[in-house]
Structure formats: C-alpha cells, structure tokens
C-alpha cells in the first residue's frame, strides 16, 4: 500500500487547485490527486456552454497538461472511486479494493447531479451535465434531436437552453418555481433573463413540475403535474447537486448537507480537510450562516486555504463569493451573497442589455448582479468587501462610477 503525505480525493477544480497550491508553497511531500473519472483534471463551466456546441476540444479543457503534474511530482490517480475513509488508520478504500494511506487528506469530491425520482427517469435520452463523458453522450444524440426539454431554470439549465437554441433546436424549459434563477438572483434579474430567452425562442414554463417521463425505452415525452404532455427527443435535467460527503460522514465527520469545516477548511476529523461543493462552512458574507457554495471560485479559494494550512502558511478563508454565467451575448457577473436582502437598486436600463441590480440589507450593499457591466462588477466588488452604506439614489446614478463612491 502506497502512502502519500497528502492525498486529495476529487480531481475537479478544488482538487487540482489544492495540488497546485501545495507545490507553489514549496510543499515537498508526496501528493496524490485521486479522481473517479478517467480524465485528467479539466474545466467544468464550458460543459454547459461552448463545449456542447463543439467549440472546445477535450485537450483545451484541461486545467493543466499531463506534463505539468509529472513535472511537479503529483501522482494523478484516475478511475478510482474512494468509498471508505478510515480516519484512525489514515487509509482510503477504493471501489476496486485498492487501499491508499495518507498523512493529510483533502476531500474535494464535489457533488453529483440530482435526478428526478419519478416514473421514467431511467429512460435513455435523459441526461445531466456534470462530466465530460456525460456531455459527450449528449453531443452524440443531438444531431437526431429536434425538440429538447430542459428541466431546471438555474445557471446550468439556462446556459444549456441558450446553446441549444443557437444550434437550432426547439427548446422547452420547465421550472418548478415561479421564476428562473430564483435561488441565485432577485426578481428583476429573473424577469430580464426570462424575456431574453423567450425572445430567442425558448418556451419557458414556470410553476411547472415534472410528473413523469414517457417513452418506449427512450424518452419521447415529459408529463407535467398539470396534465400537459410535452413531446421531446431528448431531456436535460439541471436541478442542482448533492454533496459527495458520505464516506467522511460515515467516518464520523460533523455535517449533513456536506461536511462541516472551520475557517481553515479542517473537518472535525484529525488530519482531514474538505473544500469546494461538498464543504459546509460558516460564511461571513451570509452573516455567518452555514452553507455550501457551489462555484469554481469557492472551490479554488478553499483549496488554497487548506493547502496553506498544510504547508504551514495558514490564512483563514474569507473570500467574497463571485459567480458568472454566459448566455447568448449576455455575461452575468455576480459578487456577494444576496440572501436576506431587503432592498434592490436598479442601475442602468435593462432594455440596453447592460445594467446592474444591487442588493442592500439594512442600508449595506451586500451583493451585485451585473449584466454586460464589467466596470460595475469590478468597482462594486470593493464596495461589497467594505460593507459600504451608500444611499440608493447614489448607487442608481449611472452618471457616477461606483468607484467614486468608495470610501
């Protein structure tokens, strides 16, 4: 059984960044990057945008080329699924029976896409977006598909709908809530994106729950709870992810909806850290509320935090969250967390295709959503970090740049 000074479980963004950061900090111990997929670490965001349209070839998706890992002495162990953690013995058990010993463990296993638990959910032609293999399967079926149903109106669903429309597909988007982006943006932003998608030809059904999928071996229709039937050749389900945390929870780690970590990304188990989509933490930008942030930025920042602690250069995690989404010619950039806001300020005119929506809580700027307004995003970020209290009238005044309001 081979022993590594640091074993990293999960070869996505968080896992790759942890390995990169350890070497950048001159950590010289043996490092293993363990991934369940057969691929080297690759970029995930393009899976729901340009990659499906064939605009990026697989090698261009790699976070780093193969030679990078070899040159830095990082063993990338692909095709290995860790199913058990023995925290006392400091050993990992893989699905194929292989055991790997570690000195420190960074759990960066991410999440798995949620699937609808309804009749017909196992039919061929129903897909989720999370891995390159899964998207390759979608691409293989798209030439024969004319009508596609997208279930879920979050970032992934909307990005998928935009790409499919650009490919000339008929798209019906089904969202169970009363607006798209309901979990990540305020209502004015939701309505703007709904209008744009409809203008591009996407048939959006709000407040629509899927009752079942129908077909003879392969999907042919989606039945809604309202009784309506939507014929289709293919379906894509984008309704969020569940944290891959059970092996750590079974080993005794605190958590539930993810693995609970402190401000250095340490779990309650000795020598074990957790980062990224599966890490449940108290976020200062959410008033100390416990949450999981599902973003590349968070995965990278927490991975660096864990690596710093292991390398003896501790620095608590305190990064302000930020997100982005590309749809058609719209680039949405968000910073901060809008949870609990009590006022919104519209800056600019949505009709122009460039504007920002600002979120306030008790007079303090806590978040911004910026559409094709990179300057607002960059300058507003500093205001969020400052916890600035600025009158709504000043924030709405497009005659003044936000940097002019920075104290």
Protein backbone atom coordinates (compact mmCIF):
# COMPACT_ATOMS: atom_id res chain seq x y z
CA UNK A 1 0.00 0.00 0.00
CA UNK A 2 1.45 3.33 -1.06
CA UNK A 3 1.45 6.24 1.39
CA UNK A 4 1.19 9.89 0.45
CA UNK A 5 1.92 12.88 2.65
CA UNK A 6 -1.21 14.45 1.15
CA UNK A 7 -3.98 12.56 -0.61
CA UNK A 8 -6.53 14.67 -2.44
CA UNK A 9 -9.85 12.98 -3.22
CA UNK A 10 -11.54 14.62 -6.16
CA UNK A 11 -9.82 15.75 -9.36
CA UNK A 12 -12.06 18.67 -10.22
CA UNK A 13 -11.27 22.35 -9.75
CA UNK A 14 -10.82 22.15 -5.98
CA UNK A 15 -8.64 19.05 -6.04
CA UNK A 16 -6.45 20.36 -8.85
CA UNK A 17 -6.02 23.72 -7.15
CA UNK A 18 -5.08 22.05 -3.86
CA UNK A 19 -2.27 20.14 -5.57
CA UNK A 20 -1.12 23.23 -7.49
CA UNK A 21 -1.14 25.38 -4.34
CA UNK A 22 0.85 22.85 -2.31
CA UNK A 23 3.64 22.89 -4.86
CA UNK A 24 3.51 26.67 -5.19
CA UNK A 25 4.04 26.85 -1.42
CA UNK A 26 7.11 24.60 -1.73
CA UNK A 27 5.47 21.59 -0.09
CA UNK A 28 7.79 18.72 -0.99
CA UNK A 29 5.93 15.67 0.33
CA UNK A 30 4.34 13.04 -1.88
CA UNK A 31 0.97 14.18 -3.26
CA UNK A 32 -1.75 12.10 -4.89
CA UNK A 33 -4.70 13.53 -6.79
CA UNK A 34 -7.40 10.84 -6.88
CA UNK A 35 -10.28 11.15 -9.35
CA UNK A 36 -13.17 8.84 -10.17
CA UNK A 37 -13.23 9.87 -13.84
CA UNK A 38 -10.73 8.53 -16.40
CA UNK A 39 -9.64 12.06 -17.34
CA UNK A 40 -7.01 14.45 -16.06
CA UNK A 41 -8.50 17.48 -14.22
CA UNK A 42 -10.48 19.63 -16.66
CA UNK A 43 -12.59 22.78 -16.71
CA UNK A 44 -16.25 22.24 -15.79
CA UNK A 45 -18.01 25.53 -16.72
CA UNK A 46 -17.65 25.01 -20.51
CA UNK A 47 -19.64 21.78 -20.25
CA UNK A 48 -22.90 23.72 -20.22
CA UNK A 49 -21.84 26.39 -22.71
CA UNK A 50 -19.39 26.21 -25.60
CA UNK A 51 -18.21 22.62 -25.23
CA UNK A 52 -21.56 21.12 -26.05
CA UNK A 53 -21.57 23.08 -29.27
CA UNK A 54 -18.17 21.61 -30.11
CA UNK A 55 -16.32 24.89 -29.69
CA UNK A 56 -13.66 23.44 -27.37
CA UNK A 57 -11.85 20.20 -27.95
CA UNK A 58 -11.12 17.96 -24.94
CA UNK A 59 -7.43 18.81 -24.62
CA UNK A 60 -8.27 22.51 -24.41
CA UNK A 61 -10.45 21.82 -21.39
CA UNK A 62 -7.56 20.50 -19.29
CA UNK A 63 -6.75 22.61 -16.23
CA UNK A 64 -3.11 21.69 -16.78
CA UNK A 65 -1.46 19.43 -19.39
CA UNK A 66 -0.29 15.97 -18.34
CA UNK A 67 3.34 17.08 -18.24
CA UNK A 68 2.55 19.67 -15.57
CA UNK A 69 1.57 17.07 -12.99
CA UNK A 70 4.55 14.86 -13.78
CA UNK A 71 6.99 17.75 -13.55
CA UNK A 72 5.69 18.67 -10.11
CA UNK A 73 5.65 15.16 -8.77
CA UNK A 74 1.88 14.90 -8.37
CA UNK A 75 0.54 11.39 -8.91
CA UNK A 76 -2.79 11.71 -10.71
CA UNK A 77 -4.70 8.51 -9.99
CA UNK A 78 -7.65 8.42 -12.38
CA UNK A 79 -10.57 5.99 -12.47
CA UNK A 80 -10.57 5.49 -8.71
CA UNK A 81 -13.65 5.98 -6.56
CA UNK A 82 -12.99 6.32 -2.83
CA UNK A 83 -15.80 4.59 -0.95
CA UNK A 84 -14.46 4.48 2.60
CA UNK A 85 -12.25 6.58 4.86
CA UNK A 86 -10.57 5.07 7.93
CA UNK A 87 -9.73 8.22 9.85
CA UNK A 88 -7.93 6.36 12.64
CA UNK A 89 -5.69 4.29 10.37
CA UNK A 90 -5.46 7.19 7.87
CA UNK A 91 -6.36 4.99 4.93
CA UNK A 92 -8.67 5.20 1.94
CA UNK A 93 -10.50 2.28 0.39
CA UNK A 94 -11.30 2.45 -3.32
CA UNK A 95 -14.19 0.67 -5.03
CA UNK A 96 -11.78 -1.75 -6.71
CA UNK A 97 -10.28 -2.78 -3.35
CA UNK A 98 -7.14 -0.67 -3.56
CA UNK A 99 -6.03 0.98 -0.32
CA UNK A 100 -4.14 4.27 -0.13
CA UNK A 101 -2.53 5.62 3.04
CA UNK A 102 -2.24 9.32 3.77
CA UNK A 103 -0.74 11.76 6.25
CA UNK A 104 -3.21 14.55 5.42
CA UNK A 105 -6.40 14.19 3.42
CA UNK A 106 -8.12 16.91 1.38
CA UNK A 107 -11.65 15.87 0.46
CA UNK A 108 -12.60 17.68 -2.75
CA UNK A 109 -15.10 15.16 -4.11
CA UNK A 110 -17.65 17.80 -5.15
CA UNK A 111 -21.20 16.74 -5.85
CA UNK A 112 -23.38 14.56 -8.01
CA UNK A 113 -26.25 15.93 -10.10
CA UNK A 114 -29.70 15.47 -8.64
CA UNK A 115 -32.05 13.38 -10.71
CA UNK A 116 -35.82 13.39 -10.65
CA UNK A 117 -37.28 10.47 -8.72
CA UNK A 118 -40.29 9.95 -10.95
CA UNK A 119 -41.55 7.29 -13.34
CA UNK A 120 -39.47 7.04 -16.49
CA UNK A 121 -36.43 8.79 -15.03
CA UNK A 122 -34.19 5.94 -16.19
CA UNK A 123 -35.16 6.18 -19.87
CA UNK A 124 -32.41 6.63 -22.41
CA UNK A 125 -32.05 10.18 -23.67
CA UNK A 126 -32.36 11.82 -20.22
CA UNK A 127 -29.11 13.50 -19.29
CA UNK A 128 -27.42 15.60 -16.61
CA UNK A 129 -24.47 17.94 -17.05
CA UNK A 130 -21.52 17.31 -14.75
CA UNK A 131 -18.82 15.31 -16.55
CA UNK A 132 -17.16 15.32 -19.93
CA UNK A 133 -18.40 11.79 -20.53
CA UNK A 134 -21.96 12.87 -19.88
CA UNK A 135 -21.72 15.81 -22.25
CA UNK A 136 -20.13 13.63 -24.91
CA UNK A 137 -23.25 11.44 -24.67
CA UNK A 138 -25.46 14.49 -25.19
CA UNK A 139 -23.43 15.63 -28.18
CA UNK A 140 -23.71 12.18 -29.75
CA UNK A 141 -27.51 12.33 -29.56
CA UNK A 142 -28.06 15.96 -30.54
CA UNK A 143 -27.90 15.52 -34.35
CA UNK A 144 -31.01 13.33 -34.24
CA UNK A 145 -32.83 15.51 -31.69
CA UNK A 146 -35.12 18.29 -32.84
CA UNK A 147 -37.05 19.05 -29.65
CA UNK A 148 -35.33 19.20 -26.24
CA UNK A 149 -36.84 19.66 -22.79
CA UNK A 150 -34.59 21.31 -20.21
CA UNK A 151 -35.70 20.77 -16.60
CA UNK A 152 -34.45 23.47 -14.27
CA UNK A 153 -34.10 27.23 -14.65
CA UNK A 154 -30.81 27.82 -12.84
CA UNK A 155 -27.48 28.67 -14.40
CA UNK A 156 -26.96 25.23 -15.96
CA UNK A 157 -30.44 24.98 -17.42
CA UNK A 158 -30.40 28.47 -18.90
CA UNK A 159 -26.90 28.05 -20.32
CA UNK A 160 -27.93 24.76 -21.90
CA UNK A 161 -31.07 26.32 -23.35
CA UNK A 162 -29.06 29.16 -24.88
CA UNK A 163 -26.59 26.81 -26.56
CA UNK A 164 -29.35 24.54 -27.84
CA UNK A 165 -31.20 27.47 -29.39
CA UNK A 166 -28.02 28.61 -31.10
CA UNK A 167 -27.83 25.09 -32.54
CA UNK A 168 -31.35 25.48 -33.92
CA UNK A 169 -33.12 23.11 -31.52
CA UNK A 170 -36.67 23.61 -30.30
CA UNK A 171 -36.34 24.10 -26.55
CA UNK A 172 -38.90 23.91 -23.77
CA UNK A 173 -37.56 24.90 -20.35
CA UNK A 174 -39.53 23.65 -17.34
CA UNK A 175 -39.04 25.36 -13.97
CA UNK A 176 -40.94 24.29 -10.83
CA UNK A 177 -40.68 27.72 -9.17
CA UNK A 178 -42.38 30.90 -10.33
CA UNK A 179 -39.27 32.35 -11.95
CA UNK A 180 -35.89 31.31 -13.29
CA UNK A 181 -32.73 31.97 -11.24
CA UNK A 182 -34.98 32.09 -8.18
CA UNK A 183 -32.26 30.71 -5.89
CA UNK A 184 -29.47 32.97 -7.07
CA UNK A 185 -30.90 36.33 -8.16
CA UNK A 186 -33.63 38.86 -7.45
CA UNK A 187 -36.88 39.02 -9.40
CA UNK A 188 -35.91 41.86 -11.78
CA UNK A 189 -32.92 39.81 -12.97
CA UNK A 190 -35.08 36.72 -13.34
CA UNK A 191 -37.61 38.54 -15.47
CA UNK A 192 -34.89 40.01 -17.68
CA UNK A 193 -33.43 36.58 -18.47
CA UNK A 194 -36.88 35.08 -18.98
CA UNK A 195 -37.68 37.78 -21.53
CA UNK A 196 -34.40 37.29 -23.36
CA UNK A 197 -34.77 33.52 -23.57
CA UNK A 198 -38.33 33.85 -24.82
CA UNK A 199 -37.16 36.36 -27.42
CA UNK A 200 -34.62 33.77 -28.56
CA UNK A 201 -37.39 31.20 -28.96
CA UNK A 202 -37.19 29.24 -25.71
CA UNK A 203 -40.62 28.10 -24.50
CA UNK A 204 -40.42 28.70 -20.72
CA UNK A 205 -42.94 27.03 -18.43
CA UNK A 206 -42.90 28.43 -14.87
CA UNK A 207 -44.51 26.82 -11.85
CA UNK A 208 -44.38 23.57 -13.79
CA UNK A 209 -43.46 20.33 -12.04
CA UNK A 210 -42.43 17.18 -13.88
CA UNK A 211 -44.71 14.26 -13.07
CA UNK A 212 -43.05 11.60 -15.23
CA UNK A 213 -41.08 10.83 -18.36
CA UNK A 214 -42.59 8.65 -21.06
CA UNK A 215 -41.21 6.54 -23.86
CA UNK A 216 -40.55 3.04 -25.10
CA UNK A 217 -37.00 2.51 -23.90
CA UNK A 218 -36.10 6.05 -24.87
CA UNK A 219 -37.67 9.34 -23.84
CA UNK A 220 -40.48 10.54 -26.08
CA UNK A 221 -42.33 12.98 -23.83
CA UNK A 222 -42.39 14.76 -20.48
CA UNK A 223 -45.63 14.70 -18.48
CA UNK A 224 -46.21 17.70 -16.22
CA UNK A 225 -48.17 17.64 -12.98
CA UNK A 226 -50.69 19.97 -14.67
CA UNK A 227 -51.59 17.14 -17.05
CA UNK A 228 -49.81 18.65 -20.05
CA UNK A 229 -47.58 16.43 -22.19
CA UNK A 230 -44.51 17.87 -23.93
CA UNK A 231 -43.14 15.70 -26.76
CA UNK A 232 -39.35 15.61 -26.98
CA UNK A 233 -36.39 13.68 -28.38
CA UNK A 234 -34.01 14.43 -25.52
CA UNK A 235 -34.13 15.87 -21.99
CA UNK A 236 -31.54 17.60 -19.85
CA UNK A 237 -32.06 17.82 -16.10
CA UNK A 238 -30.30 20.64 -14.24
CA UNK A 239 -31.79 20.83 -10.74
CA UNK A 240 -28.68 21.16 -8.60
CA UNK A 241 -26.25 18.77 -6.98
CA UNK A 242 -25.92 16.70 -3.80
CA UNK A 243 -22.63 16.85 -1.94
CA UNK A 244 -20.42 13.76 -2.15
CA UNK A 245 -19.71 13.50 1.56
CA UNK A 246 -20.98 10.15 2.79
CA UNK A 247 -17.58 8.44 3.26
CA UNK A 248 -16.48 11.25 5.58
CA UNK A 249 -19.81 11.35 7.40
CA UNK A 250 -19.62 7.58 7.86
CA UNK A 251 -16.14 8.04 9.32
CA UNK A 252 -17.58 10.38 11.95
CA UNK A 253 -17.17 13.83 10.45
CA UNK A 254 -19.66 16.50 11.51
CA UNK A 255 -22.05 17.63 8.80
CA UNK A 256 -25.17 16.63 6.97
CA UNK A 257 -25.71 18.66 3.83
CA UNK A 258 -22.00 18.47 3.22
CA UNK A 259 -19.00 18.18 5.56
CA UNK A 260 -18.66 20.89 8.19
CA UNK A 261 -15.33 22.74 8.09
CA UNK A 262 -13.73 25.59 10.03
CA UNK A 263 -12.12 28.72 8.59
CA UNK A 264 -9.02 26.70 7.61
CA UNK A 265 -11.22 24.06 5.91
CA UNK A 266 -10.49 21.47 8.61
CA UNK A 267 -13.18 18.90 9.32
CA UNK A 268 -13.90 17.53 12.79
CA UNK A 269 -11.73 14.51 11.94
CA UNK A 270 -7.96 14.80 12.55
CA UNK A 271 -5.75 15.42 9.51
CA UNK A 272 -8.76 15.76 7.18
CA UNK A 273 -9.84 18.87 5.24
CA UNK A 274 -12.82 19.41 2.92
CA UNK A 275 -13.15 22.01 0.17
CA UNK A 276 -15.49 23.09 -2.60
CA UNK A 277 -19.04 21.99 -3.35
CA UNK A 278 -19.08 19.43 -0.51
CA UNK A 279 -17.78 21.78 2.22
CA UNK A 280 -20.34 23.22 4.64
CA UNK A 281 -18.97 26.35 6.27
CA UNK A 282 -19.97 29.47 8.17
CA UNK A 283 -19.76 32.19 5.55
CA UNK A 284 -19.12 35.73 6.74
CA UNK A 285 -20.81 37.16 3.64
CA UNK A 286 -24.01 35.34 4.65
CA UNK A 287 -23.92 36.68 8.20
CA UNK A 288 -22.20 33.55 9.47
CA UNK A 289 -24.89 31.21 8.17
CA UNK A 290 -23.77 27.68 7.32
CA UNK A 291 -23.91 26.96 3.62
CA UNK A 292 -22.23 25.23 0.70
CA UNK A 293 -21.06 27.40 -2.17
CA UNK A 294 -21.20 25.61 -5.50
CA UNK A 295 -18.75 27.57 -7.62
CA UNK A 296 -15.33 27.26 -9.18
CA UNK A 297 -14.20 30.33 -7.26
CA UNK A 298 -15.13 28.84 -3.91
CA UNK A 299 -13.50 25.51 -4.74
CA UNK A 300 -10.26 27.23 -5.69
CA UNK A 301 -10.24 29.57 -2.69
CA UNK A 302 -10.96 26.83 -0.17
CA UNK A 303 -8.41 24.52 -1.79
CA UNK A 304 -5.77 27.22 -1.40
CA UNK A 305 -6.82 27.73 2.22
CA UNK A 306 -6.39 24.02 3.01
CA UNK A 307 -3.05 23.88 1.18
CA UNK A 308 -1.81 26.91 3.09
CA UNK A 309 -2.62 25.28 6.41
CA UNK A 310 -0.88 22.05 5.45
CA UNK A 311 2.17 23.92 4.17
CA UNK A 312 2.49 25.87 7.40
CA UNK A 313 1.33 29.17 5.92
CA UNK A 314 -2.18 29.40 7.45
CA UNK A 315 -4.57 32.06 6.24
CA UNK A 316 -8.29 31.83 7.13
CA UNK A 317 -10.83 31.56 4.33
CA UNK A 318 -12.63 34.87 3.90
CA UNK A 319 -13.04 35.35 0.15
CA UNK A 320 -16.05 37.25 -1.10
CA UNK A 321 -18.11 34.90 -3.32
CA UNK A 322 -18.42 35.60 -7.02
CA UNK A 323 -20.09 33.82 -9.91
CA UNK A 324 -20.62 34.18 -13.63
CA UNK A 325 -22.83 32.88 -16.41
CA UNK A 326 -22.71 33.30 -20.19
CA UNK A 327 -25.96 33.15 -22.14
CA UNK A 328 -26.23 34.35 -25.75
CA UNK A 329 -24.35 37.67 -25.82
CA UNK A 330 -25.08 38.28 -22.13
CA UNK A 331 -22.41 37.94 -19.47
CA UNK A 332 -23.82 37.85 -15.95
CA UNK A 333 -21.27 38.56 -13.22
CA UNK A 334 -22.28 38.40 -9.57
CA UNK A 335 -20.43 39.24 -6.39
CA UNK A 336 -21.50 38.82 -2.78
CA UNK A 337 -24.47 36.89 -1.42
CA UNK A 338 -27.91 38.44 -1.71
CA UNK A 339 -29.52 36.23 0.96
CA UNK A 340 -31.85 38.21 3.20
CA UNK A 341 -31.72 41.46 1.22
CA UNK A 342 -34.45 43.99 1.96
CA UNK A 343 -33.95 46.44 -0.94
CA UNK A 344 -32.81 46.35 -4.56
CA UNK A 345 -31.44 49.19 -6.66
CA UNK A 346 -31.54 49.11 -10.45
CA UNK A 347 -28.53 50.75 -12.06
CA UNK A 348 -28.91 51.29 -15.78
CA UNK A 349 -31.60 50.27 -18.24
CA UNK A 350 -32.21 46.55 -18.91
CA UNK A 351 -33.54 47.47 -22.36
CA UNK A 352 -29.98 48.41 -23.38
CA UNK A 353 -28.65 44.99 -22.42
CA UNK A 354 -26.20 46.49 -19.93
CA UNK A 355 -27.27 47.11 -16.34
CA UNK A 356 -26.75 46.06 -12.72
CA UNK A 357 -29.00 45.04 -9.87
CA UNK A 358 -27.69 45.92 -6.43
CA UNK A 359 -28.83 44.29 -3.18
CA UNK A 360 -28.97 46.06 0.17
CA UNK A 361 -29.57 44.81 3.68
CA UNK A 362 -30.28 47.40 6.37
CA UNK A 363 -28.65 50.00 4.13
CA UNK A 364 -25.48 47.98 3.49
CA UNK A 365 -24.51 46.84 0.00
CA UNK A 366 -24.24 43.04 0.15
CA UNK A 367 -24.28 41.90 -3.49
CA UNK A 368 -24.47 42.87 -7.15
CA UNK A 369 -25.65 41.14 -10.32
CA UNK A 370 -24.14 42.80 -13.39
CA UNK A 371 -25.17 42.10 -16.99
CA UNK A 372 -22.59 43.23 -19.54
CA UNK A 373 -21.42 45.73 -16.94
CA UNK A 374 -17.93 44.62 -16.02
CA UNK A 375 -16.99 48.04 -14.66
CA UNK A 376 -19.86 47.94 -12.17
CA UNK A 377 -18.84 44.42 -11.18
CA UNK A 378 -15.19 45.27 -10.58
CA UNK A 379 -15.88 48.50 -8.73
CA UNK A 380 -18.91 47.19 -6.86
CA UNK A 381 -16.88 44.27 -5.53
CA UNK A 382 -14.82 46.70 -3.46
CA UNK A 383 -17.98 48.25 -2.05
CA UNK A 384 -19.27 44.84 -1.00
CA UNK A 385 -15.95 43.99 0.63
CA UNK A 386 -16.12 47.27 2.53
CA UNK A 387 -19.70 46.68 3.63
CA UNK A 388 -20.41 50.14 2.22
CA UNK A 389 -23.51 52.08 3.20
CA UNK A 390 -24.40 54.35 0.31
CA UNK A 391 -27.76 55.99 -0.45
CA UNK A 392 -29.79 54.16 -3.08
CA UNK A 393 -30.01 57.32 -5.18
CA UNK A 394 -26.22 57.48 -5.48
CA UNK A 395 -25.96 53.80 -6.38
CA UNK A 396 -28.58 54.20 -9.11
CA UNK A 397 -26.90 57.25 -10.66
CA UNK A 398 -25.16 55.96 -13.80
CA UNK A 399 -23.61 59.40 -14.23
CA UNK A 400 -21.20 58.42 -11.45
CA UNK A 401 -18.93 55.41 -11.48
CA UNK A 402 -19.20 53.17 -8.43
CA UNK A 403 -15.52 53.71 -7.67
CA UNK A 404 -16.36 57.34 -6.93
CA UNK A 405 -18.48 56.07 -4.01
CA UNK A 406 -15.67 54.02 -2.45
CA UNK A 407 -14.67 55.43 0.92
